Amino acid sequence: MKKSVLNFRLIGVGIASVLIVSLGSCKKEDLLDDILKPTEPVEATPPPFPSVANSDGTLVAIRSQTTQNTQIGPITTQIGLGVAVFYETPGATTFLDAGTVVLNELALTKQSNNSYAFQPSASNASGIDFTGGSSWNVSGTADVAAFAFAPSISFPSLDAVSSGETVNKSNGYTLTTTGVIGADSVIFQVGTVLKTVAGNATSCTFSSSELSGLSTGTSIVQIAAYKMQNETITSKNYYFINESVVTKTVTVE
């Protein structure tokens, strides 16, 4: 089974902005608005997840935790996300309209290219609640048959990023976490550079040559641990993924 890494940006979903830390409803003139804002702006980078070559559809439930530096120290926020794509043919880059796609009773937004993503709002900044796991309901179309399915897999346990806040491109960088439990595989990402390693890995080293193409300045590092379940539903080969992601802002030098 051939797997690669697919980033939300590659399927055109518009959820990157939700990964910017949202820190309450203070009025603009409130001093907290200035105190809690990030010390440097950083473009939000959506989590990566595996793309499976023989899949007719991939449905991903994501528990995301982001740590961002502020003037009073690191601030961590958690959010529940979801994404789904239904391929015209396995391995294709064109997607099918599947009607309404619901994850844990919350509808994902269909994008212009027929990919689906959950977009948190001001009234639900924490996103999808995965306390009871993940459950999908697809209304279907002429191209995608309707189905409902609740994967039996759990979410991996993943600790926060424990490596430093400075990425020196000349010296390379080792991205670390103190613990990963229950993952099939783990994706480590520095800026736009990604590696997929074994499910029990707690660190991954990026060489200077691998990091040479990164732009200097404020960026992010991410660790994504996932479990995957393959099911044949209505004669289609679907992959359900539960993923835990931790993100941290860094400075690339």
C-alpha atoms as a PDB file:
ATOM      1  CA  MET A   1       0.000   0.000   0.000  1.00  0.00           C
ATOM      2  CA  LYS A   2       1.642   3.171  -1.185  1.00  0.00           C
ATOM      3  CA  LYS A   3       1.239   6.194   1.064  1.00  0.00           C
ATOM      4  CA  SER A   4       2.356   9.763   0.615  1.00  0.00           C
ATOM      5  CA  VAL A   5       1.678  12.912   2.586  1.00  0.00           C
ATOM      6  CA  LEU A   6      -1.113  15.223   1.515  1.00  0.00           C
ATOM      7  CA  ASN A   7      -1.377  18.749   2.904  1.00  0.00           C
ATOM      8  CA  PHE A   8      -4.678  20.635   3.166  1.00  0.00           C
ATOM      9  CA  ARG A   9      -3.136  23.312   0.967  1.00  0.00           C
ATOM     10  CA  LEU A  10      -2.802  20.786  -1.868  1.00  0.00           C
ATOM     11  CA  ILE A  11      -6.521  20.039  -1.924  1.00  0.00           C
ATOM     12  CA  GLY A  12      -7.480  23.691  -1.857  1.00  0.00           C
ATOM     13  CA  VAL A  13      -9.398  23.787   1.397  1.00  0.00           C
ATOM     14  CA  GLY A  14      -9.689  27.177   3.024  1.00  0.00           C
ATOM     15  CA  ILE A  15      -9.068  26.349   6.668  1.00  0.00           C
ATOM     16  CA  ALA A  16      -5.517  27.563   7.193  1.00  0.00           C
ATOM     17  CA  SER A  17      -6.694  30.655   8.988  1.00  0.00           C
ATOM     18  CA  VAL A  18      -8.360  28.644  11.754  1.00  0.00           C
ATOM     19  CA  LEU A  19      -4.966  27.494  12.993  1.00  0.00           C
ATOM     20  CA  ILE A  20      -4.033  31.052  13.959  1.00  0.00           C
ATOM     21  CA  VAL A  21      -4.537  31.211  17.698  1.00  0.00           C
ATOM     22  CA  SER A  22      -7.882  32.732  18.694  1.00  0.00           C
ATOM     23  CA  LEU A  23      -7.577  34.243  22.133  1.00  0.00           C
ATOM     24  CA  GLY A  24     -11.004  35.302  23.284  1.00  0.00           C
ATOM     25  CA  SER A  25     -13.431  38.071  22.471  1.00  0.00           C
ATOM     26  CA  CYS A  26     -11.642  41.126  23.889  1.00  0.00           C
ATOM     27  CA  LYS A  27     -12.468  44.441  22.278  1.00  0.00           C
ATOM     28  CA  LYS A  28      -9.720  45.934  20.175  1.00  0.00           C
ATOM     29  CA  GLU A  29      -9.037  48.652  22.721  1.00  0.00           C
ATOM     30  CA  ASP A  30      -8.626  46.110  25.514  1.00  0.00           C
ATOM     31  CA  LEU A  31      -5.015  45.832  26.690  1.00  0.00           C
ATOM     32  CA  LEU A  32      -5.254  42.042  26.602  1.00  0.00           C
ATOM     33  CA  ASP A  33      -5.642  42.228  22.851  1.00  0.00           C
ATOM     34  CA  ASP A  34      -2.093  43.556  22.606  1.00  0.00           C
ATOM     35  CA  ILE A  35      -0.628  41.452  25.395  1.00  0.00           C
ATOM     36  CA  LEU A  36      -1.899  38.121  24.075  1.00  0.00           C
ATOM     37  CA  LYS A  37      -1.239  38.660  20.408  1.00  0.00           C
ATOM     38  CA  PRO A  38       1.632  36.628  18.887  1.00  0.00           C
ATOM     39  CA  THR A  39       5.004  38.329  19.209  1.00  0.00           C
ATOM     40  CA  GLU A  40       5.495  37.823  15.465  1.00  0.00           C
ATOM     41  CA  PRO A  41       2.883  37.069  12.803  1.00  0.00           C
ATOM     42  CA  VAL A  42       3.076  33.618  11.264  1.00  0.00           C
ATOM     43  CA  GLU A  43       1.229  32.198   8.288  1.00  0.00           C
ATOM     44  CA  ALA A  44      -0.964  29.325   9.420  1.00  0.00           C
ATOM     45  CA  THR A  45       0.015  25.973   7.969  1.00  0.00           C
ATOM     46  CA  PRO A  46      -2.667  23.276   7.921  1.00  0.00           C
ATOM     47  CA  PRO A  47      -1.836  19.788   9.201  1.00  0.00           C
ATOM     48  CA  PRO A  48      -0.487  17.119   6.846  1.00  0.00           C
ATOM     49  CA  PHE A  49      -2.147  13.730   6.545  1.00  0.00           C
ATOM     50  CA  PRO A  50      -1.432  10.567   4.534  1.00  0.00           C
ATOM     51  CA  SER A  51      -2.718  10.089   1.010  1.00  0.00           C
ATOM     52  CA  VAL A  52      -3.294   6.460   0.000  1.00  0.00           C
ATOM     53  CA  ALA A  53      -2.819   5.504  -3.657  1.00  0.00           C
ATOM     54  CA  ASN A  54      -5.632   2.923  -3.873  1.00  0.00           C
ATOM     55  CA  SER A  55      -8.231   4.984  -2.027  1.00  0.00           C
ATOM     56  CA  ASP A  56     -11.634   5.970  -3.403  1.00  0.00           C
ATOM     57  CA  GLY A  57     -11.973   8.399  -0.515  1.00  0.00           C
ATOM     58  CA  THR A  58     -10.086   9.628   2.526  1.00  0.00           C
ATOM     59  CA  LEU A  59     -11.887  10.973   5.595  1.00  0.00           C
ATOM     60  CA  VAL A  60      -9.739  12.540   8.316  1.00  0.00           C
ATOM     61  CA  ALA A  61     -10.669  13.593  11.851  1.00  0.00           C
ATOM     62  CA  ILE A  62      -8.009  15.835  13.404  1.00  0.00           C
ATOM     63  CA  ARG A  63      -7.324  16.908  16.974  1.00  0.00           C
ATOM     64  CA  SER A  64      -5.000  19.887  16.646  1.00  0.00           C
ATOM     65  CA  GLN A  65      -3.016  21.615  19.388  1.00  0.00           C
ATOM     66  CA  THR A  66      -1.103  24.810  18.583  1.00  0.00           C
ATOM     67  CA  THR A  67       1.433  26.601  20.788  1.00  0.00           C
ATOM     68  CA  GLN A  68       2.237  30.180  19.835  1.00  0.00           C
ATOM     69  CA  ASN A  69       4.609  32.643  21.464  1.00  0.00           C
ATOM     70  CA  THR A  70       3.107  35.799  22.982  1.00  0.00           C
ATOM     71  CA  GLN A  71       4.438  38.650  25.084  1.00  0.00           C
ATOM     72  CA  ILE A  72       3.447  36.805  28.266  1.00  0.00           C
ATOM     73  CA  GLY A  73       4.778  33.422  27.168  1.00  0.00           C
ATOM     74  CA  PRO A  74       3.518  30.458  25.161  1.00  0.00           C
ATOM     75  CA  ILE A  75      -0.242  30.139  24.640  1.00  0.00           C
ATOM     76  CA  THR A  76      -1.713  26.769  23.650  1.00  0.00           C
ATOM     77  CA  THR A  77      -5.063  26.287  21.957  1.00  0.00           C
ATOM     78  CA  GLN A  78      -6.878  23.118  20.886  1.00  0.00           C
ATOM     79  CA  ILE A  79      -9.267  22.708  17.987  1.00  0.00           C
ATOM     80  CA  GLY A  80     -11.129  19.844  16.311  1.00  0.00           C
ATOM     81  CA  LEU A  81     -10.938  19.722  12.511  1.00  0.00           C
ATOM     82  CA  GLY A  82     -12.067  17.440   9.710  1.00  0.00           C
ATOM     83  CA  VAL A  83     -11.369  16.947   6.021  1.00  0.00           C
ATOM     84  CA  ALA A  84     -12.706  14.559   3.379  1.00  0.00           C
ATOM     85  CA  VAL A  85     -11.967  13.913  -0.292  1.00  0.00           C
ATOM     86  CA  PHE A  86     -13.626  11.481  -2.705  1.00  0.00           C
ATOM     87  CA  TYR A  87     -11.463  10.662  -5.715  1.00  0.00           C
ATOM     88  CA  GLU A  88     -12.704  10.450  -9.288  1.00  0.00           C
ATOM     89  CA  THR A  89     -10.398   7.441  -9.594  1.00  0.00           C
ATOM     90  CA  PRO A  90      -7.953   6.093  -6.976  1.00  0.00           C
ATOM     91  CA  GLY A  91      -4.872   8.290  -6.921  1.00  0.00           C
ATOM     92  CA  ALA A  92      -6.513  11.067  -8.949  1.00  0.00           C
ATOM     93  CA  THR A  93      -6.193  14.761  -8.145  1.00  0.00           C
ATOM     94  CA  THR A  94      -9.791  15.540  -9.098  1.00  0.00           C
ATOM     95  CA  PHE A  95     -12.511  15.046  -6.513  1.00  0.00           C
ATOM     96  CA  LEU A  96     -16.189  14.095  -6.613  1.00  0.00           C
ATOM     97  CA  ASP A  97     -19.174  15.855  -5.097  1.00  0.00           C
ATOM     98  CA  ALA A  98     -20.396  13.633  -2.247  1.00  0.00           C
ATOM     99  CA  GLY A  99     -23.337  15.761  -1.155  1.00  0.00           C
ATOM    100  CA  THR A 100     -23.323  16.720   2.511  1.00  0.00           C
ATOM    101  CA  VAL A 101     -20.454  15.371   4.632  1.00  0.00           C
ATOM    102  CA  VAL A 102     -20.983  15.427   8.396  1.00  0.00           C
ATOM    103  CA  LEU A 103     -18.420  14.605  11.093  1.00  0.00           C
ATOM    104  CA  ASN A 104     -19.754  14.164  14.645  1.00  0.00           C
ATOM    105  CA  GLU A 105     -22.963  15.997  13.682  1.00  0.00           C
ATOM    106  CA  LEU A 106     -21.137  19.025  12.264  1.00  0.00           C
ATOM    107  CA  ALA A 107     -21.180  19.609   8.511  1.00  0.00           C
ATOM    108  CA  LEU A 108     -17.947  20.120   6.599  1.00  0.00           C
ATOM    109  CA  THR A 109     -17.832  22.905   4.017  1.00  0.00           C
ATOM    110  CA  LYS A 110     -17.513  21.829   0.394  1.00  0.00           C
ATOM    111  CA  GLN A 111     -14.735  23.708  -1.401  1.00  0.00           C
ATOM    112  CA  SER A 112     -14.732  24.762  -5.050  1.00  0.00           C
ATOM    113  CA  ASN A 113     -12.774  21.637  -6.039  1.00  0.00           C
ATOM    114  CA  ASN A 114     -15.189  19.281  -4.189  1.00  0.00           C
ATOM    115  CA  SER A 115     -12.907  18.693  -1.216  1.00  0.00           C
ATOM    116  CA  TYR A 116     -14.524  19.085   2.215  1.00  0.00           C
ATOM    117  CA  ALA A 117     -13.241  20.733   5.382  1.00  0.00           C
ATOM    118  CA  PHE A 118     -14.686  21.814   8.695  1.00  0.00           C
ATOM    119  CA  GLN A 119     -14.235  25.536   9.298  1.00  0.00           C
ATOM    120  CA  PRO A 120     -14.663  26.669  12.920  1.00  0.00           C
ATOM    121  CA  SER A 121     -16.528  29.902  13.490  1.00  0.00           C
ATOM    122  CA  ALA A 122     -16.697  32.620  16.119  1.00  0.00           C
ATOM    123  CA  SER A 123     -19.554  30.729  17.765  1.00  0.00           C
ATOM    124  CA  ASN A 124     -17.613  27.434  17.760  1.00  0.00           C
ATOM    125  CA  ALA A 125     -13.931  28.316  17.933  1.00  0.00           C
ATOM    126  CA  SER A 126     -12.986  24.960  19.471  1.00  0.00           C
ATOM    127  CA  GLY A 127     -14.291  23.038  16.468  1.00  0.00           C
ATOM    128  CA  ILE A 128     -15.418  19.417  16.516  1.00  0.00           C
ATOM    129  CA  ASP A 129     -15.693  17.501  19.794  1.00  0.00           C
ATOM    130  CA  PHE A 130     -13.934  14.131  19.509  1.00  0.00           C
ATOM    131  CA  THR A 131     -14.579  12.997  23.089  1.00  0.00           C
ATOM    132  CA  GLY A 132     -16.531   9.989  21.805  1.00  0.00           C
ATOM    133  CA  GLY A 133     -14.322   9.311  18.786  1.00  0.00           C
ATOM    134  CA  SER A 134     -15.268  10.080  15.187  1.00  0.00           C
ATOM    135  CA  SER A 135     -18.430   9.291  13.235  1.00  0.00           C
ATOM    136  CA  TRP A 136     -19.117  10.132   9.578  1.00  0.00           C
ATOM    137  CA  ASN A 137     -22.330  10.581   7.606  1.00  0.00           C
ATOM    138  CA  VAL A 138     -22.246  11.200   3.840  1.00  0.00           C
ATOM    139  CA  SER A 139     -25.535  12.068   2.108  1.00  0.00           C
ATOM    140  CA  GLY A 140     -24.240  10.980  -1.304  1.00  0.00           C
ATOM    141  CA  THR A 141     -24.796  11.930  -4.950  1.00  0.00           C
ATOM    142  CA  ALA A 142     -24.986  10.126  -8.279  1.00  0.00           C
ATOM    143  CA  ASP A 143     -21.194   9.711  -8.092  1.00  0.00           C
ATOM    144  CA  VAL A 144     -20.786   8.820  -4.411  1.00  0.00           C
ATOM    145  CA  ALA A 145     -23.246   6.497  -2.672  1.00  0.00           C
ATOM    146  CA  ALA A 146     -24.568   7.596   0.714  1.00  0.00           C
ATOM    147  CA  PHE A 147     -23.112   5.938   3.798  1.00  0.00           C
ATOM    148  CA  ALA A 148     -22.618   6.350   7.529  1.00  0.00           C
ATOM    149  CA  PHE A 149     -19.643   4.895   9.384  1.00  0.00           C
ATOM    150  CA  ALA A 150     -17.969   5.222  12.774  1.00  0.00           C
ATOM    151  CA  PRO A 151     -14.342   3.996  12.736  1.00  0.00           C
ATOM    152  CA  SER A 152     -13.293   1.751  15.611  1.00  0.00           C
ATOM    153  CA  ILE A 153      -9.822   3.323  15.805  1.00  0.00           C
ATOM    154  CA  SER A 154      -8.868   5.749  18.558  1.00  0.00           C
ATOM    155  CA  PHE A 155      -6.874   8.960  18.350  1.00  0.00           C
ATOM    156  CA  PRO A 156      -3.147   8.571  19.025  1.00  0.00           C
ATOM    157  CA  SER A 157      -1.801  10.191  22.166  1.00  0.00           C
ATOM    158  CA  LEU A 158       0.762  12.878  21.298  1.00  0.00           C
ATOM    159  CA  ASP A 159       2.676  15.249  23.582  1.00  0.00           C
ATOM    160  CA  ALA A 160       3.564  18.830  22.683  1.00  0.00           C
ATOM    161  CA  VAL A 161       6.623  19.728  20.625  1.00  0.00           C
ATOM    162  CA  SER A 162       9.631  19.693  22.969  1.00  0.00           C
ATOM    163  CA  SER A 163      12.416  20.838  20.616  1.00  0.00           C
ATOM    164  CA  GLY A 164      13.774  24.377  20.495  1.00  0.00           C
ATOM    165  CA  GLU A 165      12.218  27.487  19.005  1.00  0.00           C
ATOM    166  CA  THR A 166      15.125  28.202  16.643  1.00  0.00           C
ATOM    167  CA  VAL A 167      15.756  26.277  13.424  1.00  0.00           C
ATOM    168  CA  ASN A 168      19.291  26.884  12.166  1.00  0.00           C
ATOM    169  CA  LYS A 169      19.340  25.770   8.540  1.00  0.00           C
ATOM    170  CA  SER A 170      23.132  25.360   8.507  1.00  0.00           C
ATOM    171  CA  ASN A 171      23.147  23.058  11.539  1.00  0.00           C
ATOM    172  CA  GLY A 172      20.036  21.022  10.744  1.00  0.00           C
ATOM    173  CA  TYR A 173      17.218  20.528  13.238  1.00  0.00           C
ATOM    174  CA  THR A 174      15.829  17.647  15.298  1.00  0.00           C
ATOM    175  CA  LEU A 175      12.095  17.909  15.868  1.00  0.00           C
ATOM    176  CA  THR A 176      10.998  16.127  19.042  1.00  0.00           C
ATOM    177  CA  THR A 177       8.089  15.306  21.301  1.00  0.00           C
ATOM    178  CA  THR A 178       8.226  13.547  24.658  1.00  0.00           C
ATOM    179  CA  GLY A 179       5.678  10.891  23.784  1.00  0.00           C
ATOM    180  CA  VAL A 180       3.670   9.181  21.035  1.00  0.00           C
ATOM    181  CA  ILE A 181       1.280   6.318  21.832  1.00  0.00           C
ATOM    182  CA  GLY A 182      -1.032   4.335  19.570  1.00  0.00           C
ATOM    183  CA  ALA A 183      -0.006   5.674  16.150  1.00  0.00           C
ATOM    184  CA  ASP A 184       0.444   3.758  12.908  1.00  0.00           C
ATOM    185  CA  SER A 185       2.889   6.379  11.619  1.00  0.00           C
ATOM    186  CA  VAL A 186       4.081   9.877  12.515  1.00  0.00           C
ATOM    187  CA  ILE A 187       4.619  12.811  10.150  1.00  0.00           C
ATOM    188  CA  PHE A 188       7.277  15.333  11.167  1.00  0.00           C
ATOM    189  CA  GLN A 189       7.224  18.719   9.437  1.00  0.00           C
ATOM    190  CA  VAL A 190       9.588  21.716   9.566  1.00  0.00           C
ATOM    191  CA  GLY A 191       8.186  24.578   7.517  1.00  0.00           C
ATOM    192  CA  THR A 192       7.318  22.895   4.214  1.00  0.00           C
ATOM    193  CA  VAL A 193       9.679  19.911   4.650  1.00  0.00           C
ATOM    194  CA  LEU A 194       8.020  16.658   5.750  1.00  0.00           C
ATOM    195  CA  LYS A 195       9.066  13.136   6.706  1.00  0.00           C
ATOM    196  CA  THR A 196       6.934  10.124   7.645  1.00  0.00           C
ATOM    197  CA  VAL A 197       8.418   7.686  10.177  1.00  0.00           C
ATOM    198  CA  ALA A 198       7.381   4.756  12.372  1.00  0.00           C
ATOM    199  CA  GLY A 199       4.467   5.123  14.768  1.00  0.00           C
ATOM    200  CA  ASN A 200       6.621   4.954  17.904  1.00  0.00           C
ATOM    201  CA  ALA A 201       9.083   7.655  16.826  1.00  0.00           C
ATOM    202  CA  THR A 202       9.413  10.675  19.100  1.00  0.00           C
ATOM    203  CA  SER A 203      12.024  12.546  17.071  1.00  0.00           C
ATOM    204  CA  CYS A 204      13.117  13.168  13.505  1.00  0.00           C
ATOM    205  CA  THR A 205      16.277  14.894  12.278  1.00  0.00           C
ATOM    206  CA  PHE A 206      16.297  17.217   9.272  1.00  0.00           C
ATOM    207  CA  SER A 207      19.677  17.820   7.624  1.00  0.00           C
ATOM    208  CA  SER A 208      20.988  21.195   6.524  1.00  0.00           C
ATOM    209  CA  SER A 209      20.474  20.204   2.889  1.00  0.00           C
ATOM    210  CA  GLU A 210      16.833  19.279   3.568  1.00  0.00           C
ATOM    211  CA  LEU A 211      16.221  22.647   5.213  1.00  0.00           C
ATOM    212  CA  SER A 212      18.180  24.739   2.727  1.00  0.00           C
ATOM    213  CA  GLY A 213      15.085  25.820   0.797  1.00  0.00           C
ATOM    214  CA  LEU A 214      13.235  27.252   3.816  1.00  0.00           C
ATOM    215  CA  SER A 215      12.745  30.993   4.070  1.00  0.00           C
ATOM    216  CA  THR A 216      14.173  32.674   7.147  1.00  0.00           C
ATOM    217  CA  GLY A 217      11.901  34.242   9.730  1.00  0.00           C
ATOM    218  CA  THR A 218       8.892  33.013  11.684  1.00  0.00           C
ATOM    219  CA  SER A 219       7.609  29.581  10.680  1.00  0.00           C
ATOM    220  CA  ILE A 220       6.099  26.461  12.240  1.00  0.00           C
ATOM    221  CA  VAL A 221       6.995  22.890  13.102  1.00  0.00           C
ATOM    222  CA  GLN A 222       4.365  20.158  13.281  1.00  0.00           C
ATOM    223  CA  ILE A 223       4.114  16.564  14.420  1.00  0.00           C
ATOM    224  CA  ALA A 224       1.124  14.535  13.219  1.00  0.00           C
ATOM    225  CA  ALA A 225       0.485  11.053  14.632  1.00  0.00           C
ATOM    226  CA  TYR A 226      -2.260   9.049  12.962  1.00  0.00           C
ATOM    227  CA  LYS A 227      -4.164   5.770  12.940  1.00  0.00           C
ATOM    228  CA  MET A 228      -5.852   4.546   9.775  1.00  0.00           C
ATOM    229  CA  GLN A 229      -8.749   2.137   9.119  1.00  0.00           C
ATOM    230  CA  ASN A 230      -9.545   0.730   5.675  1.00  0.00           C
ATOM    231  CA  GLU A 231     -13.161  -0.211   4.909  1.00  0.00           C
ATOM    232  CA  THR A 232     -15.015  -1.323   1.781  1.00  0.00           C
ATOM    233  CA  ILE A 233     -18.360   0.494   1.717  1.00  0.00           C
ATOM    234  CA  THR A 234     -20.807   0.404  -1.220  1.00  0.00           C
ATOM    235  CA  SER A 235     -18.042  -1.325  -3.241  1.00  0.00           C
ATOM    236  CA  LYS A 236     -15.658   1.591  -2.640  1.00  0.00           C
ATOM    237  CA  ASN A 237     -12.308   1.508  -0.854  1.00  0.00           C
ATOM    238  CA  TYR A 238     -12.360   4.165   1.884  1.00  0.00           C
ATOM    239  CA  TYR A 239      -9.694   5.115   4.417  1.00  0.00           C
ATOM    240  CA  PHE A 240     -10.701   6.643   7.743  1.00  0.00           C
ATOM    241  CA  ILE A 241      -7.962   8.454   9.658  1.00  0.00           C
ATOM    242  CA  ASN A 242      -7.873   9.739  13.228  1.00  0.00           C
ATOM    243  CA  GLU A 243      -4.977  12.142  13.660  1.00  0.00           C
ATOM    244  CA  SER A 244      -3.466  14.098  16.537  1.00  0.00           C
ATOM    245  CA  VAL A 245      -1.360  17.115  15.583  1.00  0.00           C
ATOM    246  CA  VAL A 246       0.852  19.429  17.643  1.00  0.00           C
ATOM    247  CA  THR A 247       2.164  22.691  16.194  1.00  0.00           C
ATOM    248  CA  LYS A 248       4.703  25.221  17.468  1.00  0.00           C
ATOM    249  CA  THR A 249       5.971  28.508  16.120  1.00  0.00           C
ATOM    250  CA  VAL A 250       9.718  28.709  15.475  1.00  0.00           C
ATOM    251  CA  THR A 251      12.272  31.090  13.996  1.00  0.00           C
ATOM    252  CA  VAL A 252      14.214  29.903  10.970  1.00  0.00           C
ATOM    253  CA  GLU A 253      17.742  31.301  10.691  1.00  0.00           C
END
